[in-house]
PDB file of N, CA and C in Angstrom:
ATOM      1  N   UNK A   1       9.602  35.111   2.938  1.00  0.00           N
ATOM      2  CA  UNK A   1       8.639  34.410   3.761  1.00  0.00           C
ATOM      3  C   UNK A   1       8.686  32.922   3.400  1.00  0.00           C
ATOM      4  N   UNK A   2       8.697  32.086   4.419  1.00  0.00           N
ATOM      5  CA  UNK A   2       8.746  30.650   4.206  1.00  0.00           C
ATOM      6  C   UNK A   2       7.377  30.125   3.793  1.00  0.00           C
ATOM      7  N   UNK A   3       7.421  29.022   3.045  1.00  0.00           N
ATOM      8  CA  UNK A   3       6.179  28.373   2.611  1.00  0.00           C
ATOM      9  C   UNK A   3       5.451  27.793   3.819  1.00  0.00           C
ATOM     10  N   UNK A   4       4.142  27.639   3.709  1.00  0.00           N
ATOM     11  CA  UNK A   4       3.374  27.035   4.807  1.00  0.00           C
ATOM     12  C   UNK A   4       3.847  25.609   5.113  1.00  0.00           C
ATOM     13  N   UNK A   5       3.601  25.208   6.343  1.00  0.00           N
ATOM     14  CA  UNK A   5       3.992  23.866   6.772  1.00  0.00           C
ATOM     15  C   UNK A   5       3.001  22.844   6.236  1.00  0.00           C
ATOM     16  N   UNK A   6       3.537  21.777   5.683  1.00  0.00           N
ATOM     17  CA  UNK A   6       2.722  20.689   5.147  1.00  0.00           C
ATOM     18  C   UNK A   6       2.632  19.525   6.135  1.00  0.00           C
ATOM     19  N   UNK A   7       3.730  19.212   6.809  1.00  0.00           N
ATOM     20  CA  UNK A   7       3.770  18.035   7.671  1.00  0.00           C
ATOM     21  C   UNK A   7       4.821  18.234   8.759  1.00  0.00           C
ATOM     22  N   UNK A   8       4.494  17.813   9.986  1.00  0.00           N
ATOM     23  CA  UNK A   8       5.436  17.888  11.104  1.00  0.00           C
ATOM     24  C   UNK A   8       5.570  16.504  11.723  1.00  0.00           C
ATOM     25  N   UNK A   9       6.806  16.040  11.821  1.00  0.00           N
ATOM     26  CA  UNK A   9       7.108  14.744  12.427  1.00  0.00           C
ATOM     27  C   UNK A   9       7.874  14.992  13.718  1.00  0.00           C
ATOM     28  N   UNK A  10       7.412  14.372  14.786  1.00  0.00           N
ATOM     29  CA  UNK A  10       8.045  14.453  16.098  1.00  0.00           C
ATOM     30  C   UNK A  10       8.713  13.102  16.342  1.00  0.00           C
ATOM     31  N   UNK A  11      10.035  13.096  16.482  1.00  0.00           N
ATOM     32  CA  UNK A  11      10.771  11.861  16.701  1.00  0.00           C
ATOM     33  C   UNK A  11      11.201  11.794  18.161  1.00  0.00           C
ATOM     34  N   UNK A  12      10.691  10.758  18.851  1.00  0.00           N
ATOM     35  CA  UNK A  12      11.015  10.516  20.257  1.00  0.00           C
ATOM     36  C   UNK A  12      11.937   9.300  20.338  1.00  0.00           C
ATOM     37  N   UNK A  13      12.694   9.247  21.417  1.00  0.00           N
ATOM     38  CA  UNK A  13      13.655   8.157  21.586  1.00  0.00           C
ATOM     39  C   UNK A  13      13.269   7.252  22.751  1.00  0.00           C
ATOM     40  N   UNK A  14      13.300   5.945  22.497  1.00  0.00           N
ATOM     41  CA  UNK A  14      13.133   4.944  23.540  1.00  0.00           C
ATOM     42  C   UNK A  14      14.535   4.409  23.854  1.00  0.00           C
ATOM     43  N   UNK A  15      14.908   4.469  25.115  1.00  0.00           N
ATOM     44  CA  UNK A  15      16.239   4.026  25.537  1.00  0.00           C
ATOM     45  C   UNK A  15      16.338   2.502  25.550  1.00  0.00           C
ATOM     46  N   UNK A  16      17.559   2.007  25.679  1.00  0.00           N
ATOM     47  CA  UNK A  16      17.806   0.563  25.686  1.00  0.00           C
ATOM     48  C   UNK A  16      17.039  -0.153  26.797  1.00  0.00           C
ATOM     49  N   UNK A  17      16.730   0.559  27.891  1.00  0.00           N
ATOM     50  CA  UNK A  17      15.985  -0.060  28.996  1.00  0.00           C
ATOM     51  C   UNK A  17      14.466  -0.021  28.775  1.00  0.00           C
ATOM     52  N   UNK A  18      14.032   0.506  27.622  1.00  0.00           N
ATOM     53  CA  UNK A  18      12.613   0.537  27.295  1.00  0.00           C
ATOM     54  C   UNK A  18      11.885   1.795  27.736  1.00  0.00           C
ATOM     55  N   UNK A  19      12.574   2.677  28.418  1.00  0.00           N
ATOM     56  CA  UNK A  19      11.968   3.928  28.896  1.00  0.00           C
ATOM     57  C   UNK A  19      12.094   5.028  27.847  1.00  0.00           C
ATOM     58  N   UNK A  20      11.127   5.944  27.849  1.00  0.00           N
ATOM     59  CA  UNK A  20      11.201   7.139  27.014  1.00  0.00           C
ATOM     60  C   UNK A  20      12.305   8.028  27.563  1.00  0.00           C
ATOM     61  N   UNK A  21      13.115   8.605  26.692  1.00  0.00           N
ATOM     62  CA  UNK A  21      14.200   9.461  27.177  1.00  0.00           C
ATOM     63  C   UNK A  21      13.611  10.646  27.950  1.00  0.00           C
ATOM     64  N   UNK A  22      14.339  11.091  28.949  1.00  0.00           N
ATOM     65  CA  UNK A  22      13.848  12.153  29.845  1.00  0.00           C
ATOM     66  C   UNK A  22      13.535  13.435  29.069  1.00  0.00           C
ATOM     67  N   UNK A  23      14.408  13.828  28.167  1.00  0.00           N
ATOM     68  CA  UNK A  23      14.205  15.051  27.392  1.00  0.00           C
ATOM     69  C   UNK A  23      12.972  14.924  26.494  1.00  0.00           C
ATOM     70  N   UNK A  24      12.745  13.734  25.944  1.00  0.00           N
ATOM     71  CA  UNK A  24      11.567  13.512  25.096  1.00  0.00           C
ATOM     72  C   UNK A  24      10.288  13.695  25.895  1.00  0.00           C
ATOM     73  N   UNK A  25      10.282  13.178  27.110  1.00  0.00           N
ATOM     74  CA  UNK A  25       9.112  13.337  27.976  1.00  0.00           C
ATOM     75  C   UNK A  25       8.882  14.808  28.306  1.00  0.00           C
ATOM     76  N   UNK A  26       9.962  15.549  28.563  1.00  0.00           N
ATOM     77  CA  UNK A  26       9.847  16.973  28.868  1.00  0.00           C
ATOM     78  C   UNK A  26       9.297  17.745  27.670  1.00  0.00           C
ATOM     79  N   UNK A  27       9.813  17.455  26.484  1.00  0.00           N
ATOM     80  CA  UNK A  27       9.346  18.158  25.279  1.00  0.00           C
ATOM     81  C   UNK A  27       7.895  17.792  24.987  1.00  0.00           C
ATOM     82  N   UNK A  28       7.524  16.549  25.189  1.00  0.00           N
ATOM     83  CA  UNK A  28       6.138  16.132  25.006  1.00  0.00           C
ATOM     84  C   UNK A  28       5.218  16.964  25.911  1.00  0.00           C
ATOM     85  N   UNK A  29       5.630  17.150  27.156  1.00  0.00           N
ATOM     86  CA  UNK A  29       4.848  17.950  28.115  1.00  0.00           C
ATOM     87  C   UNK A  29       4.779  19.419  27.668  1.00  0.00           C
ATOM     88  N   UNK A  30       5.897  19.943  27.177  1.00  0.00           N
ATOM     89  CA  UNK A  30       5.921  21.341  26.703  1.00  0.00           C
ATOM     90  C   UNK A  30       4.990  21.529  25.509  1.00  0.00           C
ATOM     91  N   UNK A  31       4.956  20.545  24.605  1.00  0.00           N
ATOM     92  CA  UNK A  31       4.036  20.625  23.471  1.00  0.00           C
ATOM     93  C   UNK A  31       2.599  20.747  23.955  1.00  0.00           C
ATOM     94  N   UNK A  32       2.258  19.963  24.960  1.00  0.00           N
ATOM     95  CA  UNK A  32       0.908  20.023  25.525  1.00  0.00           C
ATOM     96  C   UNK A  32       0.649  21.366  26.188  1.00  0.00           C
ATOM     97  N   UNK A  33       1.590  21.832  27.005  1.00  0.00           N
ATOM     98  CA  UNK A  33       1.432  23.101  27.720  1.00  0.00           C
ATOM     99  C   UNK A  33       1.358  24.288  26.763  1.00  0.00           C
ATOM    100  N   UNK A  34       2.127  24.231  25.677  1.00  0.00           N
ATOM    101  CA  UNK A  34       2.172  25.341  24.712  1.00  0.00           C
ATOM    102  C   UNK A  34       1.074  25.227  23.650  1.00  0.00           C
ATOM    103  N   UNK A  35       0.207  24.223  23.804  1.00  0.00           N
ATOM    104  CA  UNK A  35      -0.897  24.001  22.869  1.00  0.00           C
ATOM    105  C   UNK A  35      -0.398  23.818  21.431  1.00  0.00           C
ATOM    106  N   UNK A  36       0.712  23.097  21.299  1.00  0.00           N
ATOM    107  CA  UNK A  36       1.284  22.835  19.973  1.00  0.00           C
ATOM    108  C   UNK A  36       1.172  21.374  19.563  1.00  0.00           C
ATOM    109  N   UNK A  37       0.629  20.546  20.446  1.00  0.00           N
ATOM    110  CA  UNK A  37       0.569  19.118  20.130  1.00  0.00           C
ATOM    111  C   UNK A  37      -0.268  18.857  18.883  1.00  0.00           C
ATOM    112  N   UNK A  38      -1.285  19.671  18.648  1.00  0.00           N
ATOM    113  CA  UNK A  38      -2.124  19.493  17.458  1.00  0.00           C
ATOM    114  C   UNK A  38      -1.382  19.800  16.158  1.00  0.00           C
ATOM    115  N   UNK A  39      -0.243  20.471  16.251  1.00  0.00           N
ATOM    116  CA  UNK A  39       0.530  20.771  15.043  1.00  0.00           C
ATOM    117  C   UNK A  39       1.400  19.596  14.617  1.00  0.00           C
ATOM    118  N   UNK A  40       1.439  18.538  15.430  1.00  0.00           N
ATOM    119  CA  UNK A  40       2.227  17.351  15.117  1.00  0.00           C
ATOM    120  C   UNK A  40       1.373  16.412  14.264  1.00  0.00           C
ATOM    121  N   UNK A  41       1.889  16.034  13.090  1.00  0.00           N
ATOM    122  CA  UNK A  41       1.165  15.132  12.201  1.00  0.00           C
ATOM    123  C   UNK A  41       1.519  13.670  12.430  1.00  0.00           C
ATOM    124  N   UNK A  42       2.764  13.423  12.845  1.00  0.00           N
ATOM    125  CA  UNK A  42       3.235  12.062  13.053  1.00  0.00           C
ATOM    126  C   UNK A  42       4.179  12.022  14.234  1.00  0.00           C
ATOM    127  N   UNK A  43       4.119  10.949  14.999  1.00  0.00           N
ATOM    128  CA  UNK A  43       5.100  10.695  16.054  1.00  0.00           C
ATOM    129  C   UNK A  43       5.805   9.399  15.681  1.00  0.00           C
ATOM    130  N   UNK A  44       7.113   9.479  15.596  1.00  0.00           N
ATOM    131  CA  UNK A  44       7.917   8.321  15.208  1.00  0.00           C
ATOM    132  C   UNK A  44       8.911   8.031  16.325  1.00  0.00           C
ATOM    133  N   UNK A  45       9.132   6.760  16.575  1.00  0.00           N
ATOM    134  CA  UNK A  45      10.008   6.342  17.657  1.00  0.00           C
ATOM    135  C   UNK A  45      11.379   5.942  17.125  1.00  0.00           C
ATOM    136  N   UNK A  46      12.404   6.478  17.781  1.00  0.00           N
ATOM    137  CA  UNK A  46      13.783   6.042  17.559  1.00  0.00           C
ATOM    138  C   UNK A  46      14.102   5.114  18.725  1.00  0.00           C
ATOM    139  N   UNK A  47      14.096   3.829  18.453  1.00  0.00           N
ATOM    140  CA  UNK A  47      14.222   2.821  19.502  1.00  0.00           C
ATOM    141  C   UNK A  47      15.641   2.262  19.525  1.00  0.00           C
ATOM    142  N   UNK A  48      16.371   2.543  20.612  1.00  0.00           N
ATOM    143  CA  UNK A  48      17.747   2.056  20.735  1.00  0.00           C
ATOM    144  C   UNK A  48      17.823   0.532  20.674  1.00  0.00           C
ATOM    145  N   UNK A  49      16.737  -0.140  21.029  1.00  0.00           N
ATOM    146  CA  UNK A  49      16.719  -1.599  21.028  1.00  0.00           C
ATOM    147  C   UNK A  49      16.516  -2.174  19.629  1.00  0.00           C
ATOM    148  N   UNK A  50      16.146  -1.309  18.680  1.00  0.00           N
ATOM    149  CA  UNK A  50      15.872  -1.750  17.307  1.00  0.00           C
ATOM    150  C   UNK A  50      16.599  -0.813  16.339  1.00  0.00           C
ATOM    151  N   UNK A  51      17.834  -1.144  15.984  1.00  0.00           N
ATOM    152  CA  UNK A  51      18.623  -0.266  15.115  1.00  0.00           C
ATOM    153  C   UNK A  51      17.957   0.064  13.783  1.00  0.00           C
ATOM    154  N   UNK A  52      16.996  -0.758  13.356  1.00  0.00           N
ATOM    155  CA  UNK A  52      16.313  -0.516  12.089  1.00  0.00           C
ATOM    156  C   UNK A  52      15.044   0.318  12.268  1.00  0.00           C
ATOM    157  N   UNK A  53      14.793   0.826  13.483  1.00  0.00           N
ATOM    158  CA  UNK A  53      13.574   1.603  13.723  1.00  0.00           C
ATOM    159  C   UNK A  53      13.556   2.851  12.843  1.00  0.00           C
ATOM    160  N   UNK A  54      12.354   3.250  12.489  1.00  0.00           N
ATOM    161  CA  UNK A  54      12.201   4.387  11.572  1.00  0.00           C
ATOM    162  C   UNK A  54      12.813   5.668  12.140  1.00  0.00           C
ATOM    163  N   UNK A  55      12.668   5.886  13.440  1.00  0.00           N
ATOM    164  CA  UNK A  55      13.229   7.083  14.054  1.00  0.00           C
ATOM    165  C   UNK A  55      14.749   7.139  13.966  1.00  0.00           C
ATOM    166  N   UNK A  56      15.402   6.004  14.176  1.00  0.00           N
ATOM    167  CA  UNK A  56      16.865   5.967  14.048  1.00  0.00           C
ATOM    168  C   UNK A  56      17.287   6.150  12.597  1.00  0.00           C
ATOM    169  N   UNK A  57      16.485   5.608  11.679  1.00  0.00           N
ATOM    170  CA  UNK A  57      16.772   5.807  10.253  1.00  0.00           C
ATOM    171  C   UNK A  57      16.659   7.288   9.878  1.00  0.00           C
ATOM    172  N   UNK A  58      15.621   7.961  10.391  1.00  0.00           N
ATOM    173  CA  UNK A  58      15.462   9.392  10.119  1.00  0.00           C
ATOM    174  C   UNK A  58      16.598  10.207  10.739  1.00  0.00           C
ATOM    175  N   UNK A  59      17.013   9.821  11.945  1.00  0.00           N
ATOM    176  CA  UNK A  59      18.127  10.521  12.594  1.00  0.00           C
ATOM    177  C   UNK A  59      19.382  10.424  11.737  1.00  0.00           C
ATOM    178  N   UNK A  60      19.626   9.260  11.197  1.00  0.00           N
ATOM    179  CA  UNK A  60      20.795   9.081  10.334  1.00  0.00           C
ATOM    180  C   UNK A  60      20.626   9.863   9.031  1.00  0.00           C
ATOM    181  N   UNK A  61      19.438   9.781   8.442  1.00  0.00           N
ATOM    182  CA  UNK A  61      19.173  10.474   7.175  1.00  0.00           C
ATOM    183  C   UNK A  61      19.391  11.981   7.299  1.00  0.00           C
ATOM    184  N   UNK A  62      18.951  12.561   8.418  1.00  0.00           N
ATOM    185  CA  UNK A  62      19.054  14.005   8.610  1.00  0.00           C
ATOM    186  C   UNK A  62      20.254  14.410   9.465  1.00  0.00           C
ATOM    187  N   UNK A  63      21.116  13.445   9.758  1.00  0.00           N
ATOM    188  CA  UNK A  63      22.348  13.701  10.503  1.00  0.00           C
ATOM    189  C   UNK A  63      22.072  14.351  11.862  1.00  0.00           C
ATOM    190  N   UNK A  64      21.100  13.795  12.581  1.00  0.00           N
ATOM    191  CA  UNK A  64      20.723  14.281  13.904  1.00  0.00           C
ATOM    192  C   UNK A  64      21.271  13.300  14.930  1.00  0.00           C
ATOM    193  N   UNK A  65      21.918  13.829  15.972  1.00  0.00           N
ATOM    194  CA  UNK A  65      22.515  12.932  16.957  1.00  0.00           C
ATOM    195  C   UNK A  65      21.924  13.077  18.354  1.00  0.00           C
ATOM    196  N   UNK A  66      20.800  13.776  18.469  1.00  0.00           N
ATOM    197  CA  UNK A  66      20.130  13.860  19.768  1.00  0.00           C
ATOM    198  C   UNK A  66      18.622  13.894  19.584  1.00  0.00           C
ATOM    199  N   UNK A  67      17.961  13.452  20.618  1.00  0.00           N
ATOM    200  CA  UNK A  67      16.495  13.389  20.577  1.00  0.00           C
ATOM    201  C   UNK A  67      15.955  14.195  21.752  1.00  0.00           C
ATOM    202  N   UNK A  68      14.726  14.650  21.599  1.00  0.00           N
ATOM    203  CA  UNK A  68      13.848  14.498  20.454  1.00  0.00           C
ATOM    204  C   UNK A  68      14.216  15.487  19.354  1.00  0.00           C
ATOM    205  N   UNK A  69      13.631  15.266  18.190  1.00  0.00           N
ATOM    206  CA  UNK A  69      13.792  16.234  17.113  1.00  0.00           C
ATOM    207  C   UNK A  69      12.520  16.272  16.278  1.00  0.00           C
ATOM    208  N   UNK A  70      12.414  17.345  15.497  1.00  0.00           N
ATOM    209  CA  UNK A  70      11.236  17.587  14.672  1.00  0.00           C
ATOM    210  C   UNK A  70      11.672  17.740  13.224  1.00  0.00           C
ATOM    211  N   UNK A  71      10.911  17.135  12.331  1.00  0.00           N
ATOM    212  CA  UNK A  71      11.127  17.305  10.897  1.00  0.00           C
ATOM    213  C   UNK A  71       9.923  18.082  10.383  1.00  0.00           C
ATOM    214  N   UNK A  72      10.186  19.252   9.828  1.00  0.00           N
ATOM    215  CA  UNK A  72       9.119  20.122   9.325  1.00  0.00           C
ATOM    216  C   UNK A  72       9.223  20.152   7.805  1.00  0.00           C
ATOM    217  N   UNK A  73       8.202  19.602   7.165  1.00  0.00           N
ATOM    218  CA  UNK A  73       8.149  19.596   5.702  1.00  0.00           C
ATOM    219  C   UNK A  73       7.249  20.734   5.259  1.00  0.00           C
ATOM    220  N   UNK A  74       7.742  21.539   4.350  1.00  0.00           N
ATOM    221  CA  UNK A  74       6.977  22.690   3.867  1.00  0.00           C
ATOM    222  C   UNK A  74       6.351  22.394   2.511  1.00  0.00           C
ATOM    223  N   UNK A  75       5.325  23.153   2.186  1.00  0.00           N
ATOM    224  CA  UNK A  75       4.581  22.931   0.943  1.00  0.00           C
ATOM    225  C   UNK A  75       5.428  23.146  -0.307  1.00  0.00           C
ATOM    226  N   UNK A  76       6.520  23.900  -0.196  1.00  0.00           N
ATOM    227  CA  UNK A  76       7.386  24.129  -1.350  1.00  0.00           C
ATOM    228  C   UNK A  76       8.427  23.023  -1.517  1.00  0.00           C
ATOM    229  N   UNK A  77       8.348  21.966  -0.683  1.00  0.00           N
ATOM    230  CA  UNK A  77       9.277  20.846  -0.790  1.00  0.00           C
ATOM    231  C   UNK A  77      10.493  20.941   0.115  1.00  0.00           C
ATOM    232  N   UNK A  78      10.701  22.082   0.744  1.00  0.00           N
ATOM    233  CA  UNK A  78      11.833  22.225   1.665  1.00  0.00           C
ATOM    234  C   UNK A  78      11.541  21.516   2.980  1.00  0.00           C
ATOM    235  N   UNK A  79      12.601  21.025   3.599  1.00  0.00           N
ATOM    236  CA  UNK A  79      12.490  20.333   4.876  1.00  0.00           C
ATOM    237  C   UNK A  79      13.462  20.966   5.861  1.00  0.00           C
ATOM    238  N   UNK A  80      12.968  21.195   7.083  1.00  0.00           N
ATOM    239  CA  UNK A  80      13.798  21.741   8.152  1.00  0.00           C
ATOM    240  C   UNK A  80      13.788  20.749   9.307  1.00  0.00           C
ATOM    241  N   UNK A  81      14.920  20.633   9.988  1.00  0.00           N
ATOM    242  CA  UNK A  81      15.030  19.738  11.135  1.00  0.00           C
ATOM    243  C   UNK A  81      15.405  20.580  12.345  1.00  0.00           C
ATOM    244  N   UNK A  82      14.665  20.376  13.431  1.00  0.00           N
ATOM    245  CA  UNK A  82      14.909  21.105  14.677  1.00  0.00           C
ATOM    246  C   UNK A  82      15.176  20.102  15.791  1.00  0.00           C
ATOM    247  N   UNK A  83      16.318  20.254  16.457  1.00  0.00           N
ATOM    248  CA  UNK A  83      16.587  19.412  17.621  1.00  0.00           C
ATOM    249  C   UNK A  83      16.587  20.239  18.902  1.00  0.00           C
ATOM    250  N   UNK A  84      16.134  21.475  18.779  1.00  0.00           N
ATOM    251  CA  UNK A  84      15.952  22.360  19.928  1.00  0.00           C
ATOM    252  C   UNK A  84      14.492  22.801  19.919  1.00  0.00           C
ATOM    253  N   UNK A  85      13.781  22.486  20.998  1.00  0.00           N
ATOM    254  CA  UNK A  85      12.338  22.730  21.058  1.00  0.00           C
ATOM    255  C   UNK A  85      11.976  24.197  20.818  1.00  0.00           C
ATOM    256  N   UNK A  86      12.696  25.119  21.441  1.00  0.00           N
ATOM    257  CA  UNK A  86      12.337  26.535  21.302  1.00  0.00           C
ATOM    258  C   UNK A  86      12.440  27.023  19.859  1.00  0.00           C
ATOM    259  N   UNK A  87      13.410  26.519  19.110  1.00  0.00           N
ATOM    260  CA  UNK A  87      13.521  26.893  17.692  1.00  0.00           C
ATOM    261  C   UNK A  87      12.347  26.318  16.898  1.00  0.00           C
ATOM    262  N   UNK A  88      11.971  25.076  17.226  1.00  0.00           N
ATOM    263  CA  UNK A  88      10.808  24.473  16.581  1.00  0.00           C
ATOM    264  C   UNK A  88       9.551  25.281  16.898  1.00  0.00           C
ATOM    265  N   UNK A  89       9.374  25.600  18.171  1.00  0.00           N
ATOM    266  CA  UNK A  89       8.194  26.357  18.609  1.00  0.00           C
ATOM    267  C   UNK A  89       8.100  27.685  17.864  1.00  0.00           C
ATOM    268  N   UNK A  90       9.210  28.369  17.740  1.00  0.00           N
ATOM    269  CA  UNK A  90       9.235  29.665  17.037  1.00  0.00           C
ATOM    270  C   UNK A  90       8.859  29.493  15.565  1.00  0.00           C
ATOM    271  N   UNK A  91       9.383  28.464  14.922  1.00  0.00           N
ATOM    272  CA  UNK A  91       9.082  28.229  13.501  1.00  0.00           C
ATOM    273  C   UNK A  91       7.607  27.906  13.293  1.00  0.00           C
ATOM    274  N   UNK A  92       7.043  27.084  14.163  1.00  0.00           N
ATOM    275  CA  UNK A  92       5.635  26.698  14.034  1.00  0.00           C
ATOM    276  C   UNK A  92       4.733  27.874  14.368  1.00  0.00           C
ATOM    277  N   UNK A  93       5.064  28.621  15.408  1.00  0.00           N
ATOM    278  CA  UNK A  93       4.254  29.783  15.790  1.00  0.00           C
ATOM    279  C   UNK A  93       4.242  30.820  14.673  1.00  0.00           C
ATOM    280  N   UNK A  94       5.393  31.043  14.060  1.00  0.00           N
ATOM    281  CA  UNK A  94       5.481  32.015  12.966  1.00  0.00           C
ATOM    282  C   UNK A  94       4.639  31.546  11.783  1.00  0.00           C
ATOM    283  N   UNK A  95       4.680  30.263  11.476  1.00  0.00           N
ATOM    284  CA  UNK A  95       3.899  29.716  10.378  1.00  0.00           C
ATOM    285  C   UNK A  95       2.404  29.839  10.661  1.00  0.00           C
ATOM    286  N   UNK A  96       1.999  29.554  11.905  1.00  0.00           N
ATOM    287  CA  UNK A  96       0.586  29.696  12.293  1.00  0.00           C
ATOM    288  C   UNK A  96       0.135  31.144  12.178  1.00  0.00           C
ATOM    289  N   UNK A  97       0.982  32.078  12.597  1.00  0.00           N
ATOM    290  CA  UNK A  97       0.641  33.503  12.516  1.00  0.00           C
ATOM    291  C   UNK A  97       0.475  33.929  11.060  1.00  0.00           C
ATOM    292  N   UNK A  98       1.346  33.421  10.172  1.00  0.00           N
ATOM    293  CA  UNK A  98       1.239  33.747   8.753  1.00  0.00           C
ATOM    294  C   UNK A  98      -0.058  33.200   8.175  1.00  0.00           C
ATOM    295  N   UNK A  99      -0.433  31.990   8.573  1.00  0.00           N
ATOM    296  CA  UNK A  99      -1.672  31.392   8.075  1.00  0.00           C
ATOM    297  C   UNK A  99      -2.881  32.192   8.553  1.00  0.00           C
ATOM    298  N   UNK A 100      -2.874  32.618   9.819  1.00  0.00           N
ATOM    299  CA  UNK A 100      -3.982  33.410  10.345  1.00  0.00           C
ATOM    300  C   UNK A 100      -4.066  34.753   9.644  1.00  0.00           C
ATOM    301  N   UNK A 101      -2.912  35.354   9.359  1.00  0.00           N
ATOM    302  CA  UNK A 101      -2.879  36.636   8.668  1.00  0.00           C
ATOM    303  C   UNK A 101      -3.450  36.492   7.263  1.00  0.00           C
ATOM    304  N   UNK A 102      -3.089  35.428   6.564  1.00  0.00           N
ATOM    305  CA  UNK A 102      -3.604  35.180   5.220  1.00  0.00           C
ATOM    306  C   UNK A 102      -5.111  34.987   5.251  1.00  0.00           C
ATOM    307  N   UNK A 103      -5.618  34.233   6.200  1.00  0.00           N
ATOM    308  CA  UNK A 103      -7.060  34.019   6.329  1.00  0.00           C
ATOM    309  C   UNK A 103      -7.772  35.332   6.600  1.00  0.00           C
ATOM    310  N   UNK A 104      -7.227  36.151   7.483  1.00  0.00           N
ATOM    311  CA  UNK A 104      -7.832  37.449   7.787  1.00  0.00           C
ATOM    312  C   UNK A 104      -7.850  38.333   6.545  1.00  0.00           C
ATOM    313  N   UNK A 105      -6.784  38.323   5.753  1.00  0.00           N
ATOM    314  CA  UNK A 105      -6.734  39.100   4.523  1.00  0.00           C
ATOM    315  C   UNK A 105      -7.819  38.653   3.543  1.00  0.00           C
ATOM    316  N   UNK A 106      -8.022  37.355   3.437  1.00  0.00           N
ATOM    317  CA  UNK A 106      -9.054  36.833   2.527  1.00  0.00           C
ATOM    318  C   UNK A 106     -10.447  37.225   2.994  1.00  0.00           C
ATOM    319  N   UNK A 107     -10.689  37.169   4.277  1.00  0.00           N
ATOM    320  CA  UNK A 107     -11.996  37.563   4.811  1.00  0.00           C
ATOM    321  C   UNK A 107     -12.243  39.043   4.539  1.00  0.00           C
ATOM    322  N   UNK A 108     -11.229  39.872   4.739  1.00  0.00           N
ATOM    323  CA  UNK A 108     -11.362  41.301   4.443  1.00  0.00           C
ATOM    324  C   UNK A 108     -11.667  41.520   2.966  1.00  0.00           C
ATOM    325  N   UNK A 109     -10.996  40.795   2.094  1.00  0.00           N
ATOM    326  CA  UNK A 109     -11.207  40.935   0.660  1.00  0.00           C
ATOM    327  C   UNK A 109     -12.648  40.583   0.292  1.00  0.00           C
ATOM    328  N   UNK A 110     -13.159  39.496   0.852  1.00  0.00           N
ATOM    329  CA  UNK A 110     -14.539  39.078   0.566  1.00  0.00           C
ATOM    330  C   UNK A 110     -15.530  40.092   1.131  1.00  0.00           C
ATOM    331  N   UNK A 111     -15.246  40.624   2.322  1.00  0.00           N
ATOM    332  CA  UNK A 111     -16.131  41.633   2.909  1.00  0.00           C
ATOM    333  C   UNK A 111     -16.188  42.892   2.051  1.00  0.00           C
ATOM    334  N   UNK A 112     -15.062  43.237   1.442  1.00  0.00           N
ATOM    335  CA  UNK A 112     -14.996  44.445   0.618  1.00  0.00           C
ATOM    336  C   UNK A 112     -15.614  44.244  -0.765  1.00  0.00           C
ATOM    337  N   UNK A 113     -15.773  42.983  -1.176  1.00  0.00           N
ATOM    338  CA  UNK A 113     -16.309  42.681  -2.500  1.00  0.00           C
ATOM    339  C   UNK A 113     -17.426  41.638  -2.367  1.00  0.00           C
ATOM    340  N   UNK A 114     -18.661  42.099  -2.113  1.00  0.00           N
ATOM    341  CA  UNK A 114     -19.774  41.168  -1.907  1.00  0.00           C
ATOM    342  C   UNK A 114     -20.075  40.313  -3.136  1.00  0.00           C
ATOM    343  N   UNK A 115     -19.573  40.724  -4.295  1.00  0.00           N
ATOM    344  CA  UNK A 115     -19.810  39.930  -5.510  1.00  0.00           C
ATOM    345  C   UNK A 115     -18.978  38.641  -5.507  1.00  0.00           C
ATOM    346  N   UNK A 116     -17.967  38.590  -4.657  1.00  0.00           N
ATOM    347  CA  UNK A 116     -17.159  37.362  -4.521  1.00  0.00           C
ATOM    348  C   UNK A 116     -17.887  36.402  -3.604  1.00  0.00           C
ATOM    349  N   UNK A 117     -17.690  35.148  -3.830  1.00  0.00           N
ATOM    350  CA  UNK A 117     -18.345  34.146  -3.004  1.00  0.00           C
ATOM    351  C   UNK A 117     -17.338  33.059  -2.645  1.00  0.00           C
ATOM    352  N   UNK A 118     -17.629  32.353  -1.585  1.00  0.00           N
ATOM    353  CA  UNK A 118     -16.778  31.223  -1.190  1.00  0.00           C
ATOM    354  C   UNK A 118     -16.886  30.101  -2.197  1.00  0.00           C
ATOM    355  N   UNK A 119     -15.845  29.371  -2.356  1.00  0.00           N
ATOM    356  CA  UNK A 119     -15.850  28.209  -3.261  1.00  0.00           C
ATOM    357  C   UNK A 119     -16.079  26.978  -2.444  1.00  0.00           C
TER     358      UNK A 119
END
């Protein structure tokens, strides 16, 4: 089982003409439709007009050659990079399900042991 997600970075690309790339706009819309936008901690721009932009630096650091992409940092220090939205969605959904399962287990444990109390 993978460690819980600590941080999610969404890297979008601004084209040389100043427009958001078409795929980035589509993925942004999908995040909203799939109710996953709240799982994004940071949005960083890879700006073709500014080679020193943080998004382009991250793309180079993680050897990513297409946008948009997601950087998922886990609590155990591991980092995963997704440049395909459906793979990202699956990873985040699975992590959310694990977190909900853990919370439900804790609630059951407290219900079974009234001597335990919340901290």
